[in-house]
Amino acid sequence: MKRAIPTLTLPGIVLSATIVAALAACSPTDRQEARTETAKAANSAAASAEKAAERTGQAVDDAGITAKVKSSLLADDQVKGLSINVDTSGGAVTLTGSAQTAAEKQRAEQLATGVEGVRSVRNNITVAQGPVTPANGSGTTMKK
């Protein structure tokens, strides 16, 4: 008799965690606590996805990568993770949304590039202070 493997709904978990973070982000203390809890939830979901993938011999799926990237963005003090959207297809991550500075945009790209399973990062984040140019970090980063 075959044993059923439970289906994980990572996008649902990440969305719920993001909503909790948005609602709880009233004070700096609440905001940090929300980031921590969101990061824990996303990491837990990603870990569950990795375990399921190992059992079935499949690679970590794009939803797990998206969860890990979003978790990294939300947990970082230099990046406003709620202002950045993450999409993943075949390990290629696309970042969209807005950043207050070029440094925040570059940091988001750096965090995404550092996530296991990410093959490349397309950084389409716009900087609120002006148009996106090569000087403020526009472009695609390929992992080596």
Protein backbone atom coordinates (compact mmCIF):
# COMPACT_ATOMS: atom_id res chain seq x y z
CA MET A 1 0.00 0.00 0.00
CA LYS A 2 1.39 3.39 -0.97
CA ARG A 3 1.84 5.98 1.71
CA ALA A 4 0.51 9.43 0.88
CA ILE A 5 2.91 12.34 1.20
CA PRO A 6 1.17 15.42 2.62
CA THR A 7 0.85 18.35 0.23
CA LEU A 8 2.51 21.51 1.48
CA THR A 9 0.98 24.86 0.73
CA LEU A 10 4.06 27.05 1.11
CA PRO A 11 2.56 30.10 -0.63
CA GLY A 12 -0.33 29.99 1.85
CA ILE A 13 2.03 29.74 4.81
CA VAL A 14 4.22 32.58 3.53
CA LEU A 15 1.18 34.76 2.79
CA SER A 16 -0.22 34.17 6.29
CA ALA A 17 3.11 34.94 7.89
CA THR A 18 3.46 38.12 5.82
CA ILE A 19 0.00 39.31 6.87
CA VAL A 20 0.85 38.68 10.52
CA ALA A 21 4.05 40.68 10.09
CA ALA A 22 2.17 43.58 8.50
CA LEU A 23 -0.44 43.68 11.25
CA ALA A 24 2.06 43.39 14.07
CA ALA A 25 4.50 45.99 12.75
CA CYS A 26 3.20 48.84 14.90
CA SER A 27 6.25 49.54 17.05
CA PRO A 28 9.94 48.71 16.53
CA THR A 29 9.72 45.92 19.12
CA ASP A 30 6.58 44.46 17.54
CA ARG A 31 8.14 44.79 14.10
CA GLN A 32 11.25 42.85 15.09
CA GLU A 33 9.16 40.18 16.78
CA ALA A 34 6.99 39.90 13.66
CA ARG A 35 10.10 39.55 11.48
CA THR A 36 11.44 36.82 13.73
CA GLU A 37 8.16 34.90 13.76
CA THR A 38 7.74 35.28 9.99
CA ALA A 39 11.28 34.08 9.39
CA LYS A 40 10.68 31.05 11.63
CA ALA A 41 7.45 30.17 9.80
CA ALA A 42 9.02 30.52 6.37
CA ASN A 43 12.11 28.54 7.38
CA SER A 44 9.92 25.81 8.84
CA ALA A 45 7.89 25.63 5.64
CA ALA A 46 11.04 25.54 3.53
CA ALA A 47 12.56 22.82 5.75
CA SER A 48 9.39 20.75 5.40
CA ALA A 49 9.56 21.15 1.62
CA GLU A 50 13.21 20.06 1.62
CA LYS A 51 12.41 16.96 3.68
CA ALA A 52 9.55 16.02 1.36
CA ALA A 53 11.81 16.54 -1.66
CA GLU A 54 14.49 14.31 -0.14
CA ARG A 55 11.95 11.55 0.51
CA THR A 56 10.73 11.62 -3.07
CA GLY A 57 14.12 12.25 -4.64
CA GLN A 58 13.00 15.57 -6.17
CA ALA A 59 14.77 18.93 -6.06
CA VAL A 60 13.54 21.70 -3.78
CA ASP A 61 10.69 23.39 -5.60
CA ASP A 62 10.34 27.04 -6.46
CA ALA A 63 7.87 27.67 -3.64
CA GLY A 64 10.52 26.62 -1.11
CA ILE A 65 13.08 28.94 -2.69
CA THR A 66 10.57 31.79 -2.70
CA ALA A 67 9.84 31.18 1.00
CA LYS A 68 13.53 31.21 1.89
CA VAL A 69 14.22 34.41 -0.08
CA LYS A 70 11.19 36.19 1.40
CA SER A 71 12.21 35.03 4.87
CA SER A 72 15.71 36.45 4.38
CA LEU A 73 14.29 39.78 3.21
CA LEU A 74 11.88 40.04 6.15
CA ALA A 75 14.54 39.14 8.71
CA ASP A 76 17.09 41.69 7.47
CA ASP A 77 17.18 45.11 9.18
CA GLN A 78 18.45 46.88 6.04
CA VAL A 79 15.60 45.73 3.79
CA LYS A 80 11.87 46.43 4.00
CA GLY A 81 10.81 42.92 3.05
CA LEU A 82 7.11 43.79 2.90
CA SER A 83 7.86 46.19 0.00
CA ILE A 84 9.53 43.51 -2.13
CA ASN A 85 7.83 40.72 -4.07
CA VAL A 86 9.64 37.46 -4.87
CA ASP A 87 8.82 35.17 -7.80
CA THR A 88 10.77 32.01 -8.63
CA SER A 89 10.78 29.89 -11.77
CA GLY A 90 13.26 27.06 -12.23
CA GLY A 91 15.50 28.49 -9.52
CA ALA A 92 15.60 31.92 -11.19
CA VAL A 93 14.38 34.54 -8.71
CA THR A 94 12.80 37.84 -9.77
CA LEU A 95 12.60 40.67 -7.25
CA THR A 96 10.04 43.44 -7.78
CA GLY A 97 8.70 46.26 -5.63
CA SER A 98 10.35 49.33 -4.23
CA ALA A 99 13.31 50.30 -2.09
CA GLN A 100 14.15 53.59 -0.42
CA THR A 101 17.81 53.50 -1.46
CA ALA A 102 20.12 51.83 -3.94
CA ALA A 103 21.86 50.16 -0.99
CA GLU A 104 18.56 48.54 0.08
CA LYS A 105 18.01 47.31 -3.48
CA GLN A 106 21.52 45.84 -3.65
CA ARG A 107 21.15 44.22 -0.22
CA ALA A 108 17.91 42.51 -1.32
CA GLU A 109 19.72 41.10 -4.35
CA GLN A 110 22.63 39.97 -2.18
CA LEU A 111 20.29 38.18 0.23
CA ALA A 112 18.41 36.45 -2.59
CA THR A 113 21.64 35.35 -4.27
CA GLY A 114 22.80 33.76 -1.02
CA VAL A 115 19.80 31.42 -0.73
CA GLU A 116 20.47 27.75 -1.49
CA GLY A 117 18.85 26.64 -4.74
CA VAL A 118 18.86 30.10 -6.35
CA ARG A 119 20.48 29.94 -9.80
CA SER A 120 20.10 33.62 -10.71
CA VAL A 121 18.48 36.82 -9.47
CA ARG A 122 16.75 39.39 -11.66
CA ASN A 123 16.54 42.60 -9.64
CA ASN A 124 13.59 44.71 -10.89
CA ILE A 125 13.24 46.66 -7.65
CA THR A 126 12.74 50.37 -8.22
CA VAL A 127 14.48 52.93 -6.05
CA ALA A 128 12.11 55.61 -4.75
CA GLN A 129 14.69 58.40 -5.12
CA GLY A 130 14.91 58.20 -8.89
CA PRO A 131 15.01 56.00 -11.97
CA VAL A 132 16.71 52.63 -11.97
CA THR A 133 20.17 52.85 -13.52
CA PRO A 134 23.25 50.63 -13.56
CA ALA A 135 24.74 52.99 -10.96
CA ASN A 136 22.10 52.03 -8.43
CA GLY A 137 22.30 48.29 -8.86
CA SER A 138 19.98 47.40 -11.74
CA GLY A 139 20.50 44.07 -13.41
CA THR A 140 20.78 40.34 -13.15
CA THR A 141 23.19 38.38 -10.99
CA MET A 142 24.15 34.87 -12.04
CA LYS A 143 25.45 32.47 -9.43
CA LYS A 144 28.76 30.80 -10.18
